[in-house]
C-alpha cells in the first residue's frame, strides 16, 4: 500500500497531470476528485495513463462509472458507496469521525483518510482534529488509516509512527 497519496483539487492543484508525473514510481496513490470540472473524464484518462506508466494506484472519488471506464479503484465519501454497484479493486474513503470509520469498515475499504489532522487551506476556518485526537481515533480504527489535512513537509513529521500513509493537496502544487 502506498504511504504517499495525492488528492486532486481543481482550485488548489489545477494541473494534476504534472504533479502525478513527479510522484515516486510505484510508491504513491492518487485520489481523483476534480468534482464539477467540465473536462473531468479527460483529466481522468490522462491520470490513468500516467498511473499505469508509473505503477501508481488511482482511485476515483464518487463516480463508479468513471472508475470502471478507467480501470481504477474507488474513493468513497464518508465510507458510503455512490450507488449499489460495487467495483473490484483498491477502495479508499474519507472519514471525519468515528461513525465514518465504522462505515468504512462495513464498506470494505482498504484505506481511510482521517481528516483534517491539522488546519487546512481546503477548509479554511474548519476545526482540525489535532494530533492527539487524530492519534486516538486512528489507533482504534477498524481499517488502515492515512492522515489528511494540513499535511506538508513539516507537519508530516508530527504524525505517529503507526500512521499507514499521508495525503496532501497543496504540498504537490508547484
C-alpha atoms as a PDB file:
ATOM      1  CA  UNK A   1       0.000   0.000   0.000  1.00  0.00           C
ATOM      2  CA  UNK A   2       1.417   3.421  -0.898  1.00  0.00           C
ATOM      3  CA  UNK A   3       2.457   5.608   2.008  1.00  0.00           C
ATOM      4  CA  UNK A   4       2.105   8.792  -0.080  1.00  0.00           C
ATOM      5  CA  UNK A   5      -1.191   9.961  -1.610  1.00  0.00           C
ATOM      6  CA  UNK A   6      -2.078  12.984  -3.698  1.00  0.00           C
ATOM      7  CA  UNK A   7      -5.639  14.339  -3.701  1.00  0.00           C
ATOM      8  CA  UNK A   8      -6.608  16.355  -6.758  1.00  0.00           C
ATOM      9  CA  UNK A   9      -8.467  19.639  -6.419  1.00  0.00           C
ATOM     10  CA  UNK A  10      -9.406  21.840  -9.359  1.00  0.00           C
ATOM     11  CA  UNK A  11      -8.751  25.050  -7.387  1.00  0.00           C
ATOM     12  CA  UNK A  12      -5.643  24.152  -5.373  1.00  0.00           C
ATOM     13  CA  UNK A  13      -3.999  21.736  -7.824  1.00  0.00           C
ATOM     14  CA  UNK A  14      -5.305  22.691 -11.270  1.00  0.00           C
ATOM     15  CA  UNK A  15      -2.759  20.556 -13.171  1.00  0.00           C
ATOM     16  CA  UNK A  16      -2.816  17.124 -11.519  1.00  0.00           C
ATOM     17  CA  UNK A  17      -1.070  15.534 -14.515  1.00  0.00           C
ATOM     18  CA  UNK A  18       2.164  17.451 -13.930  1.00  0.00           C
ATOM     19  CA  UNK A  19       2.023  16.663 -10.216  1.00  0.00           C
ATOM     20  CA  UNK A  20       1.367  12.958 -10.932  1.00  0.00           C
ATOM     21  CA  UNK A  21       4.484  12.791 -13.091  1.00  0.00           C
ATOM     22  CA  UNK A  22       6.547  13.903 -10.074  1.00  0.00           C
ATOM     23  CA  UNK A  23       5.263  11.162  -7.730  1.00  0.00           C
ATOM     24  CA  UNK A  24       7.699   8.364  -6.874  1.00  0.00           C
ATOM     25  CA  UNK A  25       7.352   5.390  -9.222  1.00  0.00           C
ATOM     26  CA  UNK A  26       5.474   2.502  -7.649  1.00  0.00           C
ATOM     27  CA  UNK A  27       5.173   4.194  -4.254  1.00  0.00           C
ATOM     28  CA  UNK A  28       2.198   6.568  -4.397  1.00  0.00           C
ATOM     29  CA  UNK A  29      -1.510   6.813  -4.998  1.00  0.00           C
ATOM     30  CA  UNK A  30      -3.885   9.435  -6.378  1.00  0.00           C
ATOM     31  CA  UNK A  31      -7.411  10.256  -5.269  1.00  0.00           C
ATOM     32  CA  UNK A  32      -9.000  11.910  -8.291  1.00  0.00           C
ATOM     33  CA  UNK A  33     -11.705  14.408  -7.371  1.00  0.00           C
ATOM     34  CA  UNK A  34     -11.898  17.461  -9.658  1.00  0.00           C
ATOM     35  CA  UNK A  35     -15.628  17.489  -8.944  1.00  0.00           C
ATOM     36  CA  UNK A  36     -17.625  19.570 -11.365  1.00  0.00           C
ATOM     37  CA  UNK A  37     -14.759  20.053 -13.822  1.00  0.00           C
ATOM     38  CA  UNK A  38     -16.122  20.039 -17.367  1.00  0.00           C
ATOM     39  CA  UNK A  39     -13.100  18.057 -18.542  1.00  0.00           C
ATOM     40  CA  UNK A  40     -13.092  15.629 -15.584  1.00  0.00           C
ATOM     41  CA  UNK A  41     -13.242  12.475 -17.747  1.00  0.00           C
ATOM     42  CA  UNK A  42     -10.408  13.715 -19.976  1.00  0.00           C
ATOM     43  CA  UNK A  43      -8.211  14.581 -16.994  1.00  0.00           C
ATOM     44  CA  UNK A  44      -9.049  11.174 -15.522  1.00  0.00           C
ATOM     45  CA  UNK A  45      -7.893   9.440 -18.713  1.00  0.00           C
ATOM     46  CA  UNK A  46      -4.600  11.301 -18.555  1.00  0.00           C
ATOM     47  CA  UNK A  47      -4.104  10.385 -14.909  1.00  0.00           C
ATOM     48  CA  UNK A  48      -4.936   6.733 -15.594  1.00  0.00           C
ATOM     49  CA  UNK A  49      -2.291   6.649 -18.338  1.00  0.00           C
ATOM     50  CA  UNK A  50       0.331   8.191 -16.033  1.00  0.00           C
ATOM     51  CA  UNK A  51      -0.611   5.821 -13.211  1.00  0.00           C
ATOM     52  CA  UNK A  52      -0.183   2.778 -15.460  1.00  0.00           C
ATOM     53  CA  UNK A  53       3.205   4.041 -16.667  1.00  0.00           C
ATOM     54  CA  UNK A  54       4.459   4.888 -13.169  1.00  0.00           C
ATOM     55  CA  UNK A  55       2.784   1.984 -11.298  1.00  0.00           C
ATOM     56  CA  UNK A  56       0.675   4.316  -9.127  1.00  0.00           C
ATOM     57  CA  UNK A  57      -2.710   3.489  -7.624  1.00  0.00           C
ATOM     58  CA  UNK A  58      -5.605   5.596  -8.929  1.00  0.00           C
ATOM     59  CA  UNK A  59      -8.959   5.834  -7.174  1.00  0.00           C
ATOM     60  CA  UNK A  60     -11.899   7.876  -8.429  1.00  0.00           C
ATOM     61  CA  UNK A  61     -13.972   9.862  -5.951  1.00  0.00           C
ATOM     62  CA  UNK A  62     -17.695   9.227  -6.023  1.00  0.00           C
ATOM     63  CA  UNK A  63     -18.131   8.026  -9.620  1.00  0.00           C
ATOM     64  CA  UNK A  64     -18.321   4.274 -10.200  1.00  0.00           C
ATOM     65  CA  UNK A  65     -18.864   4.702 -13.963  1.00  0.00           C
ATOM     66  CA  UNK A  66     -15.679   6.714 -14.414  1.00  0.00           C
ATOM     67  CA  UNK A  67     -13.856   4.284 -12.137  1.00  0.00           C
ATOM     68  CA  UNK A  68     -14.943   1.371 -14.353  1.00  0.00           C
ATOM     69  CA  UNK A  69     -14.107   3.232 -17.570  1.00  0.00           C
ATOM     70  CA  UNK A  70     -10.585   4.000 -16.329  1.00  0.00           C
ATOM     71  CA  UNK A  71      -9.950   0.633 -14.696  1.00  0.00           C
ATOM     72  CA  UNK A  72      -9.358   2.456 -11.418  1.00  0.00           C
ATOM     73  CA  UNK A  73     -10.355   1.887  -7.818  1.00  0.00           C
ATOM     74  CA  UNK A  74     -12.981   3.836  -5.895  1.00  0.00           C
ATOM     75  CA  UNK A  75     -12.834   6.574  -3.284  1.00  0.00           C
ATOM     76  CA  UNK A  76     -15.914   6.668  -1.061  1.00  0.00           C
ATOM     77  CA  UNK A  77     -17.063   9.817   0.658  1.00  0.00           C
ATOM     78  CA  UNK A  78     -17.708   9.166   4.333  1.00  0.00           C
ATOM     79  CA  UNK A  79     -17.433   5.434   3.705  1.00  0.00           C
ATOM     80  CA  UNK A  80     -20.535   5.449   1.501  1.00  0.00           C
ATOM     81  CA  UNK A  81     -20.707   3.770  -1.917  1.00  0.00           C
ATOM     82  CA  UNK A  82     -22.131   6.215  -4.512  1.00  0.00           C
ATOM     83  CA  UNK A  83     -24.501   3.555  -5.868  1.00  0.00           C
ATOM     84  CA  UNK A  84     -25.364  -0.101  -5.404  1.00  0.00           C
ATOM     85  CA  UNK A  85     -22.692  -1.275  -7.839  1.00  0.00           C
ATOM     86  CA  UNK A  86     -19.518  -2.322  -6.012  1.00  0.00           C
ATOM     87  CA  UNK A  87     -16.315  -2.194  -8.033  1.00  0.00           C
ATOM     88  CA  UNK A  88     -13.438  -4.571  -7.548  1.00  0.00           C
ATOM     89  CA  UNK A  89     -10.068  -3.018  -6.898  1.00  0.00           C
ATOM     90  CA  UNK A  90      -8.494  -0.720  -4.333  1.00  0.00           C
ATOM     91  CA  UNK A  91     -11.017   1.217  -2.228  1.00  0.00           C
ATOM     92  CA  UNK A  92     -10.275   4.297  -0.160  1.00  0.00           C
ATOM     93  CA  UNK A  93     -12.616   6.572   1.765  1.00  0.00           C
ATOM     94  CA  UNK A  94     -12.737   9.862   3.571  1.00  0.00           C
ATOM     95  CA  UNK A  95     -13.547   9.821   7.281  1.00  0.00           C
ATOM     96  CA  UNK A  96     -14.172  12.727   9.617  1.00  0.00           C
ATOM     97  CA  UNK A  97     -15.227  10.865  12.743  1.00  0.00           C
ATOM     98  CA  UNK A  98     -15.854   7.550  14.448  1.00  0.00           C
ATOM     99  CA  UNK A  99     -19.150   6.912  12.611  1.00  0.00           C
ATOM    100  CA  UNK A 100     -17.412   7.356   9.245  1.00  0.00           C
ATOM    101  CA  UNK A 101     -14.675   4.927  10.313  1.00  0.00           C
ATOM    102  CA  UNK A 102     -17.295   2.293  11.149  1.00  0.00           C
ATOM    103  CA  UNK A 103     -18.948   2.824   7.739  1.00  0.00           C
ATOM    104  CA  UNK A 104     -15.518   2.404   6.152  1.00  0.00           C
ATOM    105  CA  UNK A 105     -15.144  -0.979   7.815  1.00  0.00           C
ATOM    106  CA  UNK A 106     -18.606  -2.098   6.649  1.00  0.00           C
ATOM    107  CA  UNK A 107     -17.876  -0.829   3.124  1.00  0.00           C
ATOM    108  CA  UNK A 108     -14.683  -2.886   2.959  1.00  0.00           C
ATOM    109  CA  UNK A 109     -12.261  -0.018   2.360  1.00  0.00           C
ATOM    110  CA  UNK A 110      -8.548  -0.720   2.111  1.00  0.00           C
ATOM    111  CA  UNK A 111      -7.523   2.696   3.474  1.00  0.00           C
ATOM    112  CA  UNK A 112      -9.391   5.556   5.164  1.00  0.00           C
ATOM    113  CA  UNK A 113      -8.184   9.162   5.098  1.00  0.00           C
ATOM    114  CA  UNK A 114      -8.984  10.550   8.561  1.00  0.00           C
ATOM    115  CA  UNK A 115      -9.127  14.325   8.390  1.00  0.00           C
ATOM    116  CA  UNK A 116      -8.421  17.086   8.971  1.00  0.00           C
ATOM    117  CA  UNK A 117      -5.432  16.394  11.171  1.00  0.00           C
ATOM    118  CA  UNK A 118      -4.179  19.989  11.022  1.00  0.00           C
ATOM    119  CA  UNK A 119      -5.655  23.282   9.821  1.00  0.00           C
ATOM    120  CA  UNK A 120      -6.064  23.129   6.061  1.00  0.00           C
ATOM    121  CA  UNK A 121      -6.482  25.587   3.215  1.00  0.00           C
ATOM    122  CA  UNK A 122      -9.122  23.270   1.709  1.00  0.00           C
ATOM    123  CA  UNK A 123     -11.500  24.083   4.556  1.00  0.00           C
ATOM    124  CA  UNK A 124     -10.418  27.445   5.989  1.00  0.00           C
ATOM    125  CA  UNK A 125     -11.697  28.021   9.497  1.00  0.00           C
ATOM    126  CA  UNK A 126     -12.821  24.406   9.988  1.00  0.00           C
ATOM    127  CA  UNK A 127     -11.804  22.778  13.242  1.00  0.00           C
ATOM    128  CA  UNK A 128      -8.969  20.295  12.928  1.00  0.00           C
ATOM    129  CA  UNK A 129      -8.731  17.082  14.930  1.00  0.00           C
ATOM    130  CA  UNK A 130      -5.250  17.839  16.216  1.00  0.00           C
ATOM    131  CA  UNK A 131      -2.582  15.205  16.619  1.00  0.00           C
ATOM    132  CA  UNK A 132      -3.848  13.834  19.976  1.00  0.00           C
ATOM    133  CA  UNK A 133      -7.461  13.241  18.878  1.00  0.00           C
ATOM    134  CA  UNK A 134      -6.395  12.036  15.432  1.00  0.00           C
ATOM    135  CA  UNK A 135      -3.974   9.548  17.028  1.00  0.00           C
ATOM    136  CA  UNK A 136      -6.615   8.260  19.449  1.00  0.00           C
ATOM    137  CA  UNK A 137      -9.167   7.647  16.697  1.00  0.00           C
ATOM    138  CA  UNK A 138      -6.550   6.223  14.326  1.00  0.00           C
ATOM    139  CA  UNK A 139      -5.255   3.728  16.931  1.00  0.00           C
ATOM    140  CA  UNK A 140      -8.765   2.326  17.418  1.00  0.00           C
ATOM    141  CA  UNK A 141      -9.827   2.486  13.781  1.00  0.00           C
ATOM    142  CA  UNK A 142     -11.128  -0.753  12.249  1.00  0.00           C
ATOM    143  CA  UNK A 143      -9.282  -0.080   8.955  1.00  0.00           C
ATOM    144  CA  UNK A 144      -5.810   1.194   7.987  1.00  0.00           C
ATOM    145  CA  UNK A 145      -5.628   4.974   8.407  1.00  0.00           C
ATOM    146  CA  UNK A 146      -3.939   7.746   6.459  1.00  0.00           C
ATOM    147  CA  UNK A 147      -3.542  11.337   7.593  1.00  0.00           C
ATOM    148  CA  UNK A 148      -5.058  14.152   5.538  1.00  0.00           C
ATOM    149  CA  UNK A 149      -5.464  17.843   6.185  1.00  0.00           C
ATOM    150  CA  UNK A 150      -2.670  20.358   6.508  1.00  0.00           C
ATOM    151  CA  UNK A 151      -0.023  17.803   5.586  1.00  0.00           C
ATOM    152  CA  UNK A 152       3.246  19.229   4.293  1.00  0.00           C
ATOM    153  CA  UNK A 153       6.969  18.616   4.695  1.00  0.00           C
ATOM    154  CA  UNK A 154       6.949  19.877   8.272  1.00  0.00           C
ATOM    155  CA  UNK A 155       3.627  18.613   9.648  1.00  0.00           C
ATOM    156  CA  UNK A 156       4.157  15.074   8.342  1.00  0.00           C
ATOM    157  CA  UNK A 157       6.961  14.683  10.896  1.00  0.00           C
ATOM    158  CA  UNK A 158       4.463  15.135  13.744  1.00  0.00           C
ATOM    159  CA  UNK A 159       2.443  12.063  12.713  1.00  0.00           C
ATOM    160  CA  UNK A 160       2.808   8.974  14.887  1.00  0.00           C
ATOM    161  CA  UNK A 161       4.808   6.019  13.594  1.00  0.00           C
ATOM    162  CA  UNK A 162       1.741   3.796  13.301  1.00  0.00           C
ATOM    163  CA  UNK A 163       0.214   6.084  10.643  1.00  0.00           C
ATOM    164  CA  UNK A 164      -0.214   3.976   7.475  1.00  0.00           C
ATOM    165  CA  UNK A 165       0.084   6.843   4.996  1.00  0.00           C
ATOM    166  CA  UNK A 166      -0.118  10.592   4.485  1.00  0.00           C
ATOM    167  CA  UNK A 167      -2.055  12.528   1.856  1.00  0.00           C
ATOM    168  CA  UNK A 168      -1.969  16.112   0.679  1.00  0.00           C
ATOM    169  CA  UNK A 169      -3.145  18.549  -1.954  1.00  0.00           C
ATOM    170  CA  UNK A 170      -1.222  21.787  -1.604  1.00  0.00           C
ATOM    171  CA  UNK A 171       2.091  20.056  -0.905  1.00  0.00           C
ATOM    172  CA  UNK A 172       2.029  18.867  -4.526  1.00  0.00           C
ATOM    173  CA  UNK A 173       1.295  22.272  -6.067  1.00  0.00           C
ATOM    174  CA  UNK A 174       4.164  23.898  -7.966  1.00  0.00           C
END
